[in-house]
């Protein structure tokens, strides 16, 4: 019998496609940030190092979760939940940090709507993977079925 992570194959397909896209996006973003560090002198700030570290963390988590979902590991649900919580935190920071800062940057409504749509998509994926995960049936005391044990 094959190992199953989700009850339905469509959920697995959606998770694999979304993880592959996020792996590409954060992988290219991390590579671009690394090239930015290589091109400049020592004028990088703490925020840029933090962004590079966070990009590497999310890229590696996305790669690990993609491999685990394809392999059918039962631990992939936990990794996916951690990864999607990181996504929600990053997208929320894209909304909250400019709103709290005293920057004169005028962020358009369309940018807020795009980030809100991404947050809703990731929250939908969290609900989807937790609702349709494949549960193993644990048979305890199967040898006692039909016997009187008083």
Protein backbone atom coordinates (compact mmCIF):
# COMPACT_ATOMS: atom_id res chain seq x y z
CA UNK A 1 0.00 0.00 0.00
CA UNK A 2 1.29 3.44 -0.93
CA UNK A 3 2.00 6.04 1.69
CA UNK A 4 -0.57 8.78 1.59
CA UNK A 5 -0.30 12.26 2.99
CA UNK A 6 -3.68 13.61 1.88
CA UNK A 7 -7.07 12.00 1.35
CA UNK A 8 -7.44 13.42 -2.16
CA UNK A 9 -4.88 13.65 -4.95
CA UNK A 10 -6.02 17.15 -5.94
CA UNK A 11 -4.92 18.50 -2.55
CA UNK A 12 -1.49 16.97 -3.07
CA UNK A 13 -1.30 18.50 -6.56
CA UNK A 14 -2.26 21.97 -5.28
CA UNK A 15 0.30 21.78 -2.47
CA UNK A 16 3.05 20.60 -4.83
CA UNK A 17 2.33 23.37 -7.37
CA UNK A 18 2.18 26.09 -4.69
CA UNK A 19 5.38 24.86 -3.01
CA UNK A 20 7.19 24.66 -6.34
CA UNK A 21 6.19 28.23 -7.19
CA UNK A 22 7.25 29.50 -3.77
CA UNK A 23 10.53 27.58 -4.07
CA UNK A 24 11.21 29.35 -7.37
CA UNK A 25 10.19 32.79 -6.07
CA UNK A 26 12.16 32.63 -2.84
CA UNK A 27 15.07 30.82 -4.48
CA UNK A 28 15.51 33.52 -7.11
CA UNK A 29 14.96 36.21 -4.48
CA UNK A 30 17.63 34.73 -2.23
CA UNK A 31 20.03 34.36 -5.14
CA UNK A 32 19.41 37.97 -6.15
CA UNK A 33 19.99 39.15 -2.57
CA UNK A 34 23.23 37.14 -2.41
CA UNK A 35 24.41 38.75 -5.67
CA UNK A 36 23.58 42.15 -4.17
CA UNK A 37 25.85 41.37 -1.21
CA UNK A 38 28.66 40.26 -3.52
CA UNK A 39 28.47 43.43 -5.63
CA UNK A 40 28.53 45.95 -2.78
CA UNK A 41 31.21 46.74 -0.25
CA UNK A 42 30.55 46.37 3.47
CA UNK A 43 27.54 48.72 3.39
CA UNK A 44 24.97 46.03 4.09
CA UNK A 45 22.67 46.50 7.04
CA UNK A 46 21.19 44.15 9.58
CA UNK A 47 17.84 44.19 7.77
CA UNK A 48 19.47 42.94 4.57
CA UNK A 49 21.21 40.10 6.41
CA UNK A 50 17.93 39.23 8.11
CA UNK A 51 16.13 39.21 4.76
CA UNK A 52 18.79 36.93 3.27
CA UNK A 53 18.59 34.56 6.26
CA UNK A 54 14.80 34.49 6.14
CA UNK A 55 14.87 33.88 2.39
CA UNK A 56 17.30 30.98 2.83
CA UNK A 57 15.16 29.52 5.61
CA UNK A 58 11.96 29.69 3.59
CA UNK A 59 13.64 28.39 0.44
CA UNK A 60 15.08 25.41 2.31
CA UNK A 61 11.79 24.70 4.13
CA UNK A 62 9.94 24.85 0.83
CA UNK A 63 12.40 22.44 -0.77
CA UNK A 64 12.20 20.03 2.19
CA UNK A 65 8.41 20.13 2.30
CA UNK A 66 8.20 19.58 -1.46
CA UNK A 67 10.41 16.51 -1.21
CA UNK A 68 8.50 15.19 1.80
CA UNK A 69 5.09 15.61 0.15
CA UNK A 70 6.27 13.86 -3.01
CA UNK A 71 7.83 11.05 -0.94
CA UNK A 72 4.65 10.69 1.12
CA UNK A 73 6.11 11.34 4.57
CA UNK A 74 3.70 11.82 7.44
CA UNK A 75 5.89 14.61 8.87
CA UNK A 76 5.24 16.78 5.81
CA UNK A 77 2.03 18.20 7.33
CA UNK A 78 3.99 19.70 10.22
CA UNK A 79 6.64 21.15 7.87
CA UNK A 80 3.92 22.58 5.61
CA UNK A 81 2.22 24.23 8.59
CA UNK A 82 5.50 25.82 9.68
CA UNK A 83 6.23 26.99 6.14
CA UNK A 84 2.78 28.49 5.63
CA UNK A 85 2.92 30.28 9.00
CA UNK A 86 6.21 31.85 7.86
CA UNK A 87 4.47 32.96 4.65
CA UNK A 88 1.61 34.54 6.59
CA UNK A 89 4.05 36.33 8.91
CA UNK A 90 6.02 37.73 5.97
CA UNK A 91 2.90 38.88 4.16
CA UNK A 92 1.51 40.46 7.34
CA UNK A 93 4.79 42.28 7.86
CA UNK A 94 4.44 43.69 4.34
CA UNK A 95 1.20 45.31 5.47
CA UNK A 96 2.03 46.28 9.06
CA UNK A 97 5.57 47.67 8.77
CA UNK A 98 4.78 50.40 6.19
CA UNK A 99 1.61 51.30 8.11
CA UNK A 100 3.51 51.72 11.40
CA UNK A 101 6.52 53.47 9.91
CA UNK A 102 6.60 57.17 9.28
CA UNK A 103 7.70 56.67 5.71
CA UNK A 104 6.40 59.02 3.09
CA UNK A 105 5.95 56.09 0.70
CA UNK A 106 2.42 56.01 -0.53
CA UNK A 107 1.48 52.38 -0.82
CA UNK A 108 -1.34 51.95 -3.26
CA UNK A 109 -4.53 50.09 -2.49
CA UNK A 110 -3.76 47.49 -5.13
CA UNK A 111 -0.60 46.46 -3.26
CA UNK A 112 -2.61 45.96 -0.07
CA UNK A 113 -5.19 43.95 -1.98
CA UNK A 114 -2.53 41.71 -3.56
CA UNK A 115 -0.90 41.00 -0.19
CA UNK A 116 -4.32 40.39 1.40
CA UNK A 117 -5.13 37.96 -1.41
CA UNK A 118 -1.86 36.13 -0.81
CA UNK A 119 -2.62 35.92 2.92
CA UNK A 120 -6.09 34.52 2.19
CA UNK A 121 -4.59 31.97 -0.23
CA UNK A 122 -2.06 30.74 2.31
CA UNK A 123 -4.68 30.58 5.07
CA UNK A 124 -6.89 28.57 2.71
CA UNK A 125 -3.98 26.18 2.09
CA UNK A 126 -3.43 25.78 5.84
CA UNK A 127 -7.08 24.86 6.32
CA UNK A 128 -6.98 22.57 3.27
CA UNK A 129 -3.94 20.56 4.33
CA UNK A 130 -5.15 20.17 7.90
CA UNK A 131 -8.68 19.18 6.94
CA UNK A 132 -7.77 16.67 4.23
CA UNK A 133 -4.73 15.03 5.79
CA UNK A 134 -4.75 11.25 5.72
CA UNK A 135 -5.19 9.78 9.17
CA UNK A 136 -3.79 6.39 10.04
CA UNK A 137 -6.23 4.09 11.79
CA UNK A 138 -4.69 2.73 14.96
CA UNK A 139 -5.92 -0.71 15.90
CA UNK A 140 -5.47 -1.27 19.60
CA UNK A 141 -6.34 -4.61 21.13
CA UNK A 142 -7.38 -6.12 17.81
CA UNK A 143 -6.77 -9.59 19.16
CA UNK A 144 -9.37 -9.05 21.91
CA UNK A 145 -12.28 -8.54 19.50
CA UNK A 146 -15.00 -11.11 20.19
CA UNK A 147 -13.54 -12.31 23.49
CA UNK A 148 -15.04 -11.64 26.88
CA UNK A 149 -12.58 -9.83 29.10
CA UNK A 150 -14.36 -9.14 32.37
